[in-house]
Amino acid sequence: MSGKIMRALERLGMPKGDLYELPTSPKTFPDGANYRVEISGIETARVLEATIDEAHKQGVPFHRAIAMVRGATLFTRDELREFARIAHEARVEVIMTPGPRPTWDIGRQVATPEGVISGLRLRGMDSVRHYLMDIERCIQVGFRGFLVWDEGVLSLLNSMKQNGDLPPDVIFKVSIFAGHANPAGVRLVESLGANTCNPVADLTLPMLAAIRSIVSIPLDIHIQLWASMGGYNRIYETPEIVRVASPCYFKMEPGPGLGMYMPWGTSGEGLAQSGREKIRSIKNIIELIGETYPELTVSKQGAEDLRVPLPG
């Protein structure tokens, strides 16, 4: 690397490259813990109940549910209220997935073999308005966390929060489908109001360390990933991941692919069983980290800074 480029990166506060020295992150969650548990595929109240039940059986915390990935639009207010009540009682933060989702819109470029590289974005201002309407409906029911995959919409949401058009306690999680994979991208979404970010799932330890060196928001890191997106298991890397990337959420997504989250997909016993399996994997991770780095801790259930639903 030329000296000019190195000096330019330094002036911008950027690392000069991936951090192969793997420095230990000094950053933590507000409660002083280093990592938390995030479970996706919590599509219905019954799936939420099964996952909470398994967490109790295994004696492990369950901090955050990524909910209704097929789109909150498809659920009635009564269904949303029941979901919020169950999460509130168990002290589980919920990140809702507003509809419409781009891959189920009329625009199909992103679903074609070559169009897939264009990334997920909301097409047109009508889609943005519909997305905001779904967020408004979820807020009225009591939810306070939302999934975002479009940087422009993230900026809009943050401005609405600052202007008082959204409650000041709402939080925004940037999805893996936004495709961020380097320090500059994650720092950008942090500056736009992201409270947590899920970078792409195949980043190495030096890459994660470089991102952590310049951002403070939690990183949501896939430990298991669908076969359709590469399919891998990083359980034995988790001690080093949390050491260099703290604070972070560990996220489990085993299975064949995203088909389970399609609007017409199954929402019954299959997803409930999957939630239980993810919790059992989390138990293995907590034990492994405890044996390797006992000083690195997991948050207790219902940490005070979690955005647990507030059903009316």
C-alpha atoms as a PDB file:
ATOM      1  CA  MET A   1       0.000   0.000   0.000  1.00  0.00           C
ATOM      2  CA  SER A   2       1.278   3.445  -0.888  1.00  0.00           C
ATOM      3  CA  GLY A   3       2.082   5.869   1.865  1.00  0.00           C
ATOM      4  CA  LYS A   4      -0.464   8.319   0.452  1.00  0.00           C
ATOM      5  CA  ILE A   5      -3.306   5.819   0.741  1.00  0.00           C
ATOM      6  CA  MET A   6      -2.234   4.793   4.226  1.00  0.00           C
ATOM      7  CA  ARG A   7      -2.219   8.421   5.390  1.00  0.00           C
ATOM      8  CA  ALA A   8      -5.617   9.025   3.777  1.00  0.00           C
ATOM      9  CA  LEU A   9      -7.144   6.030   5.586  1.00  0.00           C
ATOM     10  CA  GLU A  10      -5.587   7.127   8.858  1.00  0.00           C
ATOM     11  CA  ARG A  11      -7.059  10.633   8.525  1.00  0.00           C
ATOM     12  CA  LEU A  12     -10.484   9.040   7.997  1.00  0.00           C
ATOM     13  CA  GLY A  13     -10.130   6.889  11.094  1.00  0.00           C
ATOM     14  CA  MET A  14     -10.126   3.700   9.044  1.00  0.00           C
ATOM     15  CA  PRO A  15      -7.965   0.631   9.656  1.00  0.00           C
ATOM     16  CA  LYS A  16      -5.226   0.184   7.059  1.00  0.00           C
ATOM     17  CA  GLY A  17      -6.382  -3.366   6.367  1.00  0.00           C
ATOM     18  CA  ASP A  18      -7.902  -6.398   8.008  1.00  0.00           C
ATOM     19  CA  LEU A  19      -6.509  -6.839  11.534  1.00  0.00           C
ATOM     20  CA  TYR A  20      -4.538 -10.075  11.412  1.00  0.00           C
ATOM     21  CA  GLU A  21      -3.182  -9.450  14.908  1.00  0.00           C
ATOM     22  CA  LEU A  22      -6.760 -10.084  16.157  1.00  0.00           C
ATOM     23  CA  PRO A  23      -6.861  -7.553  19.003  1.00  0.00           C
ATOM     24  CA  THR A  24      -9.248  -8.215  21.875  1.00  0.00           C
ATOM     25  CA  SER A  25     -12.236  -5.886  21.732  1.00  0.00           C
ATOM     26  CA  PRO A  26     -12.604  -3.704  24.850  1.00  0.00           C
ATOM     27  CA  LYS A  27     -16.244  -2.932  24.023  1.00  0.00           C
ATOM     28  CA  THR A  28     -19.271  -4.527  25.688  1.00  0.00           C
ATOM     29  CA  PHE A  29     -23.032  -4.255  25.971  1.00  0.00           C
ATOM     30  CA  PRO A  30     -24.330  -1.718  28.524  1.00  0.00           C
ATOM     31  CA  ASP A  31     -24.560  -4.481  31.147  1.00  0.00           C
ATOM     32  CA  GLY A  32     -20.865  -5.310  30.691  1.00  0.00           C
ATOM     33  CA  ALA A  33     -21.526  -8.590  28.849  1.00  0.00           C
ATOM     34  CA  ASN A  34     -19.786  -9.542  25.618  1.00  0.00           C
ATOM     35  CA  TYR A  35     -22.413 -11.470  23.693  1.00  0.00           C
ATOM     36  CA  ARG A  36     -26.096 -12.241  23.386  1.00  0.00           C
ATOM     37  CA  VAL A  37     -28.410 -14.694  21.627  1.00  0.00           C
ATOM     38  CA  GLU A  38     -30.484 -13.887  18.536  1.00  0.00           C
ATOM     39  CA  ILE A  39     -32.951 -16.431  17.120  1.00  0.00           C
ATOM     40  CA  SER A  40     -34.504 -15.948  13.678  1.00  0.00           C
ATOM     41  CA  GLY A  41     -37.482 -17.700  12.176  1.00  0.00           C
ATOM     42  CA  ILE A  42     -39.811 -16.758  15.033  1.00  0.00           C
ATOM     43  CA  GLU A  43     -42.773 -16.499  12.697  1.00  0.00           C
ATOM     44  CA  THR A  44     -45.735 -17.031  15.027  1.00  0.00           C
ATOM     45  CA  ALA A  45     -46.648 -16.875  18.700  1.00  0.00           C
ATOM     46  CA  ARG A  46     -46.511 -20.679  18.900  1.00  0.00           C
ATOM     47  CA  VAL A  47     -42.941 -20.707  17.560  1.00  0.00           C
ATOM     48  CA  LEU A  48     -42.004 -17.999  20.070  1.00  0.00           C
ATOM     49  CA  GLU A  49     -43.513 -20.029  22.914  1.00  0.00           C
ATOM     50  CA  ALA A  50     -41.637 -23.177  21.862  1.00  0.00           C
ATOM     51  CA  THR A  51     -38.306 -21.321  21.663  1.00  0.00           C
ATOM     52  CA  ILE A  52     -38.837 -19.693  25.069  1.00  0.00           C
ATOM     53  CA  ASP A  53     -39.781 -23.071  26.534  1.00  0.00           C
ATOM     54  CA  GLU A  54     -36.595 -24.678  25.191  1.00  0.00           C
ATOM     55  CA  ALA A  55     -34.466 -21.831  26.553  1.00  0.00           C
ATOM     56  CA  HIS A  56     -35.973 -22.482  29.999  1.00  0.00           C
ATOM     57  CA  LYS A  57     -35.333 -26.219  29.681  1.00  0.00           C
ATOM     58  CA  GLN A  58     -31.709 -25.703  28.645  1.00  0.00           C
ATOM     59  CA  GLY A  59     -31.095 -22.957  31.189  1.00  0.00           C
ATOM     60  CA  VAL A  60     -29.815 -20.446  28.617  1.00  0.00           C
ATOM     61  CA  PRO A  61     -30.874 -16.866  27.847  1.00  0.00           C
ATOM     62  CA  PHE A  62     -32.869 -15.906  24.750  1.00  0.00           C
ATOM     63  CA  HIS A  63     -32.371 -12.180  24.205  1.00  0.00           C
ATOM     64  CA  ARG A  64     -33.726 -11.300  20.782  1.00  0.00           C
ATOM     65  CA  ALA A  65     -36.260 -12.723  18.338  1.00  0.00           C
ATOM     66  CA  ILE A  66     -36.155 -11.825  14.647  1.00  0.00           C
ATOM     67  CA  ALA A  67     -39.862 -12.068  13.963  1.00  0.00           C
ATOM     68  CA  MET A  68     -42.277 -12.485  11.087  1.00  0.00           C
ATOM     69  CA  VAL A  69     -39.671 -12.566   8.334  1.00  0.00           C
ATOM     70  CA  ARG A  70     -42.448 -13.265   5.852  1.00  0.00           C
ATOM     71  CA  GLY A  71     -43.755  -9.791   6.706  1.00  0.00           C
ATOM     72  CA  ALA A  72     -45.741  -8.407   9.641  1.00  0.00           C
ATOM     73  CA  THR A  73     -48.314  -7.245   7.080  1.00  0.00           C
ATOM     74  CA  LEU A  74     -49.675 -10.796   6.935  1.00  0.00           C
ATOM     75  CA  PHE A  75     -50.585 -10.951  10.633  1.00  0.00           C
ATOM     76  CA  THR A  76     -53.728  -9.546  12.259  1.00  0.00           C
ATOM     77  CA  ARG A  77     -53.538  -7.046  15.078  1.00  0.00           C
ATOM     78  CA  ASP A  78     -54.777  -9.710  17.478  1.00  0.00           C
ATOM     79  CA  GLU A  79     -51.956 -12.030  16.388  1.00  0.00           C
ATOM     80  CA  LEU A  80     -49.449  -9.222  16.796  1.00  0.00           C
ATOM     81  CA  ARG A  81     -50.786  -8.399  20.268  1.00  0.00           C
ATOM     82  CA  GLU A  82     -50.501 -12.024  21.389  1.00  0.00           C
ATOM     83  CA  PHE A  83     -46.919 -12.160  20.111  1.00  0.00           C
ATOM     84  CA  ALA A  84     -46.063  -8.915  21.925  1.00  0.00           C
ATOM     85  CA  ARG A  85     -47.606 -10.177  25.162  1.00  0.00           C
ATOM     86  CA  ILE A  86     -45.630 -13.439  25.135  1.00  0.00           C
ATOM     87  CA  ALA A  87     -42.356 -11.633  24.370  1.00  0.00           C
ATOM     88  CA  HIS A  88     -43.031  -9.031  27.062  1.00  0.00           C
ATOM     89  CA  GLU A  89     -43.664 -11.667  29.722  1.00  0.00           C
ATOM     90  CA  ALA A  90     -40.461 -13.530  28.799  1.00  0.00           C
ATOM     91  CA  ARG A  91     -38.403 -10.299  28.496  1.00  0.00           C
ATOM     92  CA  VAL A  92     -37.398 -11.036  24.888  1.00  0.00           C
ATOM     93  CA  GLU A  93     -36.540  -8.186  22.525  1.00  0.00           C
ATOM     94  CA  VAL A  94     -38.362  -8.427  19.199  1.00  0.00           C
ATOM     95  CA  ILE A  95     -37.093  -7.150  15.855  1.00  0.00           C
ATOM     96  CA  MET A  96     -40.102  -7.033  13.532  1.00  0.00           C
ATOM     97  CA  THR A  97     -39.849  -7.468   9.778  1.00  0.00           C
ATOM     98  CA  PRO A  98     -42.224  -5.019   8.125  1.00  0.00           C
ATOM     99  CA  GLY A  99     -43.772  -5.773   4.765  1.00  0.00           C
ATOM    100  CA  PRO A 100     -43.669  -5.580   1.852  1.00  0.00           C
ATOM    101  CA  ARG A 101     -40.497  -7.563   1.271  1.00  0.00           C
ATOM    102  CA  PRO A 102     -38.632  -6.817  -1.978  1.00  0.00           C
ATOM    103  CA  THR A 103     -38.359 -10.424  -3.169  1.00  0.00           C
ATOM    104  CA  TRP A 104     -42.148 -10.806  -2.941  1.00  0.00           C
ATOM    105  CA  ASP A 105     -42.942  -7.532  -4.686  1.00  0.00           C
ATOM    106  CA  ILE A 106     -43.745  -7.310  -8.416  1.00  0.00           C
ATOM    107  CA  GLY A 107     -40.129  -6.304  -9.155  1.00  0.00           C
ATOM    108  CA  ARG A 108     -38.228  -9.519  -9.849  1.00  0.00           C
ATOM    109  CA  GLN A 109     -34.814  -8.298 -11.033  1.00  0.00           C
ATOM    110  CA  VAL A 110     -33.235  -9.105  -7.669  1.00  0.00           C
ATOM    111  CA  ALA A 111     -34.523 -12.692  -7.918  1.00  0.00           C
ATOM    112  CA  THR A 112     -32.856 -13.439 -11.265  1.00  0.00           C
ATOM    113  CA  PRO A 113     -29.446 -15.166 -11.511  1.00  0.00           C
ATOM    114  CA  GLU A 114     -27.663 -11.953 -12.524  1.00  0.00           C
ATOM    115  CA  GLY A 115     -29.995  -9.447 -10.880  1.00  0.00           C
ATOM    116  CA  VAL A 116     -29.241 -10.893  -7.451  1.00  0.00           C
ATOM    117  CA  ILE A 117     -26.054  -8.821  -7.270  1.00  0.00           C
ATOM    118  CA  SER A 118     -28.106  -5.596  -7.289  1.00  0.00           C
ATOM    119  CA  GLY A 119     -29.104  -6.017  -3.631  1.00  0.00           C
ATOM    120  CA  LEU A 120     -32.400  -5.690  -1.797  1.00  0.00           C
ATOM    121  CA  ARG A 121     -33.965  -2.240  -1.793  1.00  0.00           C
ATOM    122  CA  LEU A 122     -37.510  -0.932  -1.555  1.00  0.00           C
ATOM    123  CA  ARG A 123     -38.685  -0.091  -5.069  1.00  0.00           C
ATOM    124  CA  GLY A 124     -40.362   3.298  -5.366  1.00  0.00           C
ATOM    125  CA  MET A 125     -41.832   5.671  -2.830  1.00  0.00           C
ATOM    126  CA  ASP A 126     -45.090   3.747  -2.557  1.00  0.00           C
ATOM    127  CA  SER A 127     -43.148   0.766  -1.182  1.00  0.00           C
ATOM    128  CA  VAL A 128     -41.382   3.034   1.301  1.00  0.00           C
ATOM    129  CA  ARG A 129     -44.732   4.426   2.439  1.00  0.00           C
ATOM    130  CA  HIS A 130     -46.220   0.933   2.798  1.00  0.00           C
ATOM    131  CA  TYR A 131     -43.180  -0.147   4.846  1.00  0.00           C
ATOM    132  CA  LEU A 132     -43.596   2.882   7.139  1.00  0.00           C
ATOM    133  CA  MET A 133     -47.306   2.136   7.535  1.00  0.00           C
ATOM    134  CA  ASP A 134     -46.484  -1.388   8.671  1.00  0.00           C
ATOM    135  CA  ILE A 135     -43.962  -0.028  11.187  1.00  0.00           C
ATOM    136  CA  GLU A 136     -46.622   2.378  12.485  1.00  0.00           C
ATOM    137  CA  ARG A 137     -49.066  -0.497  12.958  1.00  0.00           C
ATOM    138  CA  CYS A 138     -46.469  -2.561  14.844  1.00  0.00           C
ATOM    139  CA  ILE A 139     -45.573   0.401  17.083  1.00  0.00           C
ATOM    140  CA  GLN A 140     -49.241   0.842  17.965  1.00  0.00           C
ATOM    141  CA  VAL A 141     -49.317  -2.799  19.107  1.00  0.00           C
ATOM    142  CA  GLY A 142     -46.198  -2.295  21.244  1.00  0.00           C
ATOM    143  CA  PHE A 143     -43.157  -3.349  19.199  1.00  0.00           C
ATOM    144  CA  ARG A 144     -39.997  -1.235  19.303  1.00  0.00           C
ATOM    145  CA  GLY A 145     -37.448  -2.985  17.034  1.00  0.00           C
ATOM    146  CA  PHE A 146     -37.435  -3.180  13.233  1.00  0.00           C
ATOM    147  CA  LEU A 147     -35.397  -4.817  10.477  1.00  0.00           C
ATOM    148  CA  VAL A 148     -33.997  -2.538   7.760  1.00  0.00           C
ATOM    149  CA  TRP A 149     -32.212  -3.527   4.547  1.00  0.00           C
ATOM    150  CA  ASP A 150     -32.186  -0.183   2.707  1.00  0.00           C
ATOM    151  CA  GLU A 151     -29.750   2.550   3.793  1.00  0.00           C
ATOM    152  CA  GLY A 152     -31.928   5.336   2.408  1.00  0.00           C
ATOM    153  CA  VAL A 153     -34.901   4.097   4.393  1.00  0.00           C
ATOM    154  CA  LEU A 154     -32.677   3.755   7.484  1.00  0.00           C
ATOM    155  CA  SER A 155     -31.708   7.414   7.151  1.00  0.00           C
ATOM    156  CA  LEU A 156     -35.383   8.337   6.744  1.00  0.00           C
ATOM    157  CA  LEU A 157     -36.385   6.341   9.830  1.00  0.00           C
ATOM    158  CA  ASN A 158     -33.659   7.945  11.929  1.00  0.00           C
ATOM    159  CA  SER A 159     -34.763  11.423  10.826  1.00  0.00           C
ATOM    160  CA  MET A 160     -38.371  10.561  11.697  1.00  0.00           C
ATOM    161  CA  LYS A 161     -37.244   9.451  15.155  1.00  0.00           C
ATOM    162  CA  GLN A 162     -35.260  12.661  15.660  1.00  0.00           C
ATOM    163  CA  ASN A 163     -38.274  14.717  14.519  1.00  0.00           C
ATOM    164  CA  GLY A 164     -40.601  12.976  16.971  1.00  0.00           C
ATOM    165  CA  ASP A 165     -42.566  11.135  14.269  1.00  0.00           C
ATOM    166  CA  LEU A 166     -41.413   7.816  15.739  1.00  0.00           C
ATOM    167  CA  PRO A 167     -40.935   6.979  19.437  1.00  0.00           C
ATOM    168  CA  PRO A 168     -37.434   7.785  20.709  1.00  0.00           C
ATOM    169  CA  ASP A 169     -36.920   4.221  21.977  1.00  0.00           C
ATOM    170  CA  VAL A 170     -37.354   2.416  18.645  1.00  0.00           C
ATOM    171  CA  ILE A 171     -34.268   0.628  17.314  1.00  0.00           C
ATOM    172  CA  PHE A 172     -33.195  -0.464  13.840  1.00  0.00           C
ATOM    173  CA  LYS A 173     -31.278  -3.594  12.900  1.00  0.00           C
ATOM    174  CA  VAL A 174     -29.570  -3.635   9.492  1.00  0.00           C
ATOM    175  CA  SER A 175     -30.167  -6.964   7.791  1.00  0.00           C
ATOM    176  CA  ILE A 176     -27.592  -9.311   6.289  1.00  0.00           C
ATOM    177  CA  PHE A 177     -29.391  -8.645   2.993  1.00  0.00           C
ATOM    178  CA  ALA A 178     -28.066  -5.088   2.972  1.00  0.00           C
ATOM    179  CA  GLY A 179     -24.772  -6.808   2.123  1.00  0.00           C
ATOM    180  CA  HIS A 180     -22.294  -4.869   4.277  1.00  0.00           C
ATOM    181  CA  ALA A 181     -18.887  -6.506   4.488  1.00  0.00           C
ATOM    182  CA  ASN A 182     -16.241  -3.942   5.476  1.00  0.00           C
ATOM    183  CA  PRO A 183     -15.572  -1.239   8.099  1.00  0.00           C
ATOM    184  CA  ALA A 184     -16.634   1.636   5.837  1.00  0.00           C
ATOM    185  CA  GLY A 185     -20.058   0.125   5.184  1.00  0.00           C
ATOM    186  CA  VAL A 186     -20.815  -0.733   8.801  1.00  0.00           C
ATOM    187  CA  ARG A 187     -19.614   2.684   9.972  1.00  0.00           C
ATOM    188  CA  LEU A 188     -21.938   4.239   7.384  1.00  0.00           C
ATOM    189  CA  VAL A 189     -25.055   2.486   8.686  1.00  0.00           C
ATOM    190  CA  GLU A 190     -24.023   3.308  12.253  1.00  0.00           C
ATOM    191  CA  SER A 191     -23.862   6.987  11.266  1.00  0.00           C
ATOM    192  CA  LEU A 192     -27.311   6.691   9.655  1.00  0.00           C
ATOM    193  CA  GLY A 193     -28.884   5.486  12.896  1.00  0.00           C
ATOM    194  CA  ALA A 194     -28.430   1.723  12.918  1.00  0.00           C
ATOM    195  CA  ASN A 195     -28.469   0.289  16.434  1.00  0.00           C
ATOM    196  CA  THR A 196     -27.119  -3.105  15.346  1.00  0.00           C
ATOM    197  CA  CYS A 197     -25.798  -4.554  12.074  1.00  0.00           C
ATOM    198  CA  ASN A 198     -25.720  -8.031  10.551  1.00  0.00           C
ATOM    199  CA  PRO A 199     -22.774  -8.059   8.106  1.00  0.00           C
ATOM    200  CA  VAL A 200     -22.489 -10.760   5.474  1.00  0.00           C
ATOM    201  CA  ALA A 201     -21.963 -14.132   7.032  1.00  0.00           C
ATOM    202  CA  ASP A 202     -18.640 -15.301   5.609  1.00  0.00           C
ATOM    203  CA  LEU A 203     -16.277 -12.694   7.069  1.00  0.00           C
ATOM    204  CA  THR A 204     -13.004 -13.895   8.568  1.00  0.00           C
ATOM    205  CA  LEU A 205     -11.799 -13.044  12.068  1.00  0.00           C
ATOM    206  CA  PRO A 206      -9.385 -10.325  10.797  1.00  0.00           C
ATOM    207  CA  MET A 207     -12.258  -8.779   8.813  1.00  0.00           C
ATOM    208  CA  LEU A 208     -14.545  -8.760  11.857  1.00  0.00           C
ATOM    209  CA  ALA A 209     -11.748  -7.290  13.987  1.00  0.00           C
ATOM    210  CA  ALA A 210     -11.253  -4.467  11.480  1.00  0.00           C
ATOM    211  CA  ILE A 211     -14.971  -3.623  11.559  1.00  0.00           C
ATOM    212  CA  ARG A 212     -15.041  -3.670  15.353  1.00  0.00           C
ATOM    213  CA  SER A 213     -12.056  -1.344  15.539  1.00  0.00           C
ATOM    214  CA  ILE A 214     -14.082   1.621  14.237  1.00  0.00           C
ATOM    215  CA  VAL A 215     -17.718   0.957  15.226  1.00  0.00           C
ATOM    216  CA  SER A 216     -19.464   0.615  18.574  1.00  0.00           C
ATOM    217  CA  ILE A 217     -22.829  -0.916  17.664  1.00  0.00           C
ATOM    218  CA  PRO A 218     -23.292  -4.672  18.227  1.00  0.00           C
ATOM    219  CA  LEU A 219     -22.460  -6.958  15.309  1.00  0.00           C
ATOM    220  CA  ASP A 220     -24.961  -9.713  14.593  1.00  0.00           C
ATOM    221  CA  ILE A 221     -22.908 -12.685  13.424  1.00  0.00           C
ATOM    222  CA  HIS A 222     -24.203 -15.831  11.779  1.00  0.00           C
ATOM    223  CA  ILE A 223     -22.727 -18.957  13.328  1.00  0.00           C
ATOM    224  CA  GLN A 224     -24.832 -21.310  11.219  1.00  0.00           C
ATOM    225  CA  LEU A 225     -26.103 -20.404   7.757  1.00  0.00           C
ATOM    226  CA  TRP A 226     -28.599 -21.913   5.315  1.00  0.00           C
ATOM    227  CA  ALA A 227     -27.245 -24.337   2.753  1.00  0.00           C
ATOM    228  CA  SER A 228     -28.635 -22.106  -0.005  1.00  0.00           C
ATOM    229  CA  MET A 229     -26.276 -19.298   1.074  1.00  0.00           C
ATOM    230  CA  GLY A 230     -23.185 -21.427   1.594  1.00  0.00           C
ATOM    231  CA  GLY A 231     -24.088 -23.617   4.532  1.00  0.00           C
ATOM    232  CA  TYR A 232     -21.523 -23.701   7.309  1.00  0.00           C
ATOM    233  CA  ASN A 233     -21.064 -24.120  11.040  1.00  0.00           C
ATOM    234  CA  ARG A 234     -18.742 -21.783  12.984  1.00  0.00           C
ATOM    235  CA  ILE A 235     -19.530 -22.973  16.502  1.00  0.00           C
ATOM    236  CA  TYR A 236     -15.880 -23.708  17.322  1.00  0.00           C
ATOM    237  CA  GLU A 237     -14.891 -20.208  16.177  1.00  0.00           C
ATOM    238  CA  THR A 238     -17.264 -18.497  18.589  1.00  0.00           C
ATOM    239  CA  PRO A 239     -14.739 -17.944  21.423  1.00  0.00           C
ATOM    240  CA  GLU A 240     -12.438 -16.034  19.075  1.00  0.00           C
ATOM    241  CA  ILE A 241     -15.345 -14.264  17.360  1.00  0.00           C
ATOM    242  CA  VAL A 242     -16.642 -12.852  20.629  1.00  0.00           C
ATOM    243  CA  ARG A 243     -13.124 -11.972  21.777  1.00  0.00           C
ATOM    244  CA  VAL A 244     -12.440  -9.785  18.710  1.00  0.00           C
ATOM    245  CA  ALA A 245     -15.994  -8.605  17.892  1.00  0.00           C
ATOM    246  CA  SER A 246     -17.592  -7.944  21.312  1.00  0.00           C
ATOM    247  CA  PRO A 247     -20.332  -6.847  21.694  1.00  0.00           C
ATOM    248  CA  CYS A 248     -22.054  -9.250  19.341  1.00  0.00           C
ATOM    249  CA  TYR A 249     -25.192 -11.293  18.851  1.00  0.00           C
ATOM    250  CA  PHE A 250     -24.787 -14.916  17.800  1.00  0.00           C
ATOM    251  CA  LYS A 251     -27.311 -15.960  15.203  1.00  0.00           C
ATOM    252  CA  MET A 252     -28.228 -19.500  14.156  1.00  0.00           C
ATOM    253  CA  GLU A 253     -29.785 -20.206  10.747  1.00  0.00           C
ATOM    254  CA  PRO A 254     -29.417 -23.937   9.997  1.00  0.00           C
ATOM    255  CA  GLY A 255     -31.519 -25.501   7.261  1.00  0.00           C
ATOM    256  CA  PRO A 256     -31.858 -25.799   3.501  1.00  0.00           C
ATOM    257  CA  GLY A 257     -32.777 -22.203   2.659  1.00  0.00           C
ATOM    258  CA  LEU A 258     -35.053 -19.188   2.932  1.00  0.00           C
ATOM    259  CA  GLY A 259     -38.116 -21.038   1.659  1.00  0.00           C
ATOM    260  CA  MET A 260     -39.402 -21.436   5.193  1.00  0.00           C
ATOM    261  CA  TYR A 261     -39.889 -17.669   5.359  1.00  0.00           C
ATOM    262  CA  MET A 262     -41.915 -17.295   2.173  1.00  0.00           C
ATOM    263  CA  PRO A 263     -45.418 -15.874   2.761  1.00  0.00           C
ATOM    264  CA  TRP A 264     -46.880 -19.225   1.768  1.00  0.00           C
ATOM    265  CA  GLY A 265     -44.327 -21.255   3.731  1.00  0.00           C
ATOM    266  CA  THR A 266     -44.977 -23.455   6.709  1.00  0.00           C
ATOM    267  CA  SER A 267     -45.398 -21.786  10.077  1.00  0.00           C
ATOM    268  CA  GLY A 268     -46.193 -24.775  12.268  1.00  0.00           C
ATOM    269  CA  GLU A 269     -44.312 -27.473  14.093  1.00  0.00           C
ATOM    270  CA  GLY A 270     -41.314 -27.369  11.734  1.00  0.00           C
ATOM    271  CA  LEU A 271     -40.357 -23.833  12.720  1.00  0.00           C
ATOM    272  CA  ALA A 272     -41.047 -24.537  16.382  1.00  0.00           C
ATOM    273  CA  GLN A 273     -38.699 -27.518  16.281  1.00  0.00           C
ATOM    274  CA  SER A 274     -36.116 -25.398  14.473  1.00  0.00           C
ATOM    275  CA  GLY A 275     -36.317 -22.793  17.256  1.00  0.00           C
ATOM    276  CA  ARG A 276     -35.643 -25.489  19.836  1.00  0.00           C
ATOM    277  CA  GLU A 277     -32.649 -26.787  17.858  1.00  0.00           C
ATOM    278  CA  LYS A 278     -31.166 -23.293  17.639  1.00  0.00           C
ATOM    279  CA  ILE A 279     -31.440 -22.882  21.409  1.00  0.00           C
ATOM    280  CA  ARG A 280     -29.623 -26.186  21.952  1.00  0.00           C
ATOM    281  CA  SER A 281     -26.812 -24.981  19.674  1.00  0.00           C
ATOM    282  CA  ILE A 282     -26.643 -21.772  21.709  1.00  0.00           C
ATOM    283  CA  LYS A 283     -26.186 -23.853  24.864  1.00  0.00           C
ATOM    284  CA  ASN A 284     -23.172 -25.542  23.263  1.00  0.00           C
ATOM    285  CA  ILE A 285     -21.739 -22.142  22.338  1.00  0.00           C
ATOM    286  CA  ILE A 286     -22.140 -20.725  25.851  1.00  0.00           C
ATOM    287  CA  GLU A 287     -20.420 -23.779  27.320  1.00  0.00           C
ATOM    288  CA  LEU A 288     -17.580 -23.596  24.772  1.00  0.00           C
ATOM    289  CA  ILE A 289     -16.916 -19.894  25.363  1.00  0.00           C
ATOM    290  CA  GLY A 290     -17.055 -20.434  29.126  1.00  0.00           C
ATOM    291  CA  GLU A 291     -14.421 -23.162  28.882  1.00  0.00           C
ATOM    292  CA  THR A 292     -12.167 -21.153  26.539  1.00  0.00           C
ATOM    293  CA  TYR A 293     -12.515 -17.592  27.843  1.00  0.00           C
ATOM    294  CA  PRO A 294     -14.385 -17.632  31.168  1.00  0.00           C
ATOM    295  CA  GLU A 295     -13.946 -13.863  31.442  1.00  0.00           C
ATOM    296  CA  LEU A 296     -16.200 -13.339  28.386  1.00  0.00           C
ATOM    297  CA  THR A 297     -19.802 -13.308  29.530  1.00  0.00           C
ATOM    298  CA  VAL A 298     -23.305 -13.592  28.090  1.00  0.00           C
ATOM    299  CA  SER A 299     -26.053 -11.171  29.121  1.00  0.00           C
ATOM    300  CA  LYS A 300     -28.694 -12.371  31.522  1.00  0.00           C
ATOM    301  CA  GLN A 301     -32.272 -12.813  30.341  1.00  0.00           C
ATOM    302  CA  GLY A 302     -34.133  -9.528  29.930  1.00  0.00           C
ATOM    303  CA  ALA A 303     -31.203  -7.107  30.063  1.00  0.00           C
ATOM    304  CA  GLU A 304     -32.468  -3.607  30.796  1.00  0.00           C
ATOM    305  CA  ASP A 305     -31.440  -2.064  27.468  1.00  0.00           C
ATOM    306  CA  LEU A 306     -33.363  -4.624  25.370  1.00  0.00           C
ATOM    307  CA  ARG A 307     -36.379  -3.248  23.512  1.00  0.00           C
ATOM    308  CA  VAL A 308     -38.915  -5.677  24.908  1.00  0.00           C
ATOM    309  CA  PRO A 309     -42.426  -5.120  23.456  1.00  0.00           C
ATOM    310  CA  LEU A 310     -44.763  -2.922  25.479  1.00  0.00           C
ATOM    311  CA  PRO A 311     -48.221  -4.252  24.658  1.00  0.00           C
ATOM    312  CA  GLY A 312     -51.041  -1.849  25.426  1.00  0.00           C
END
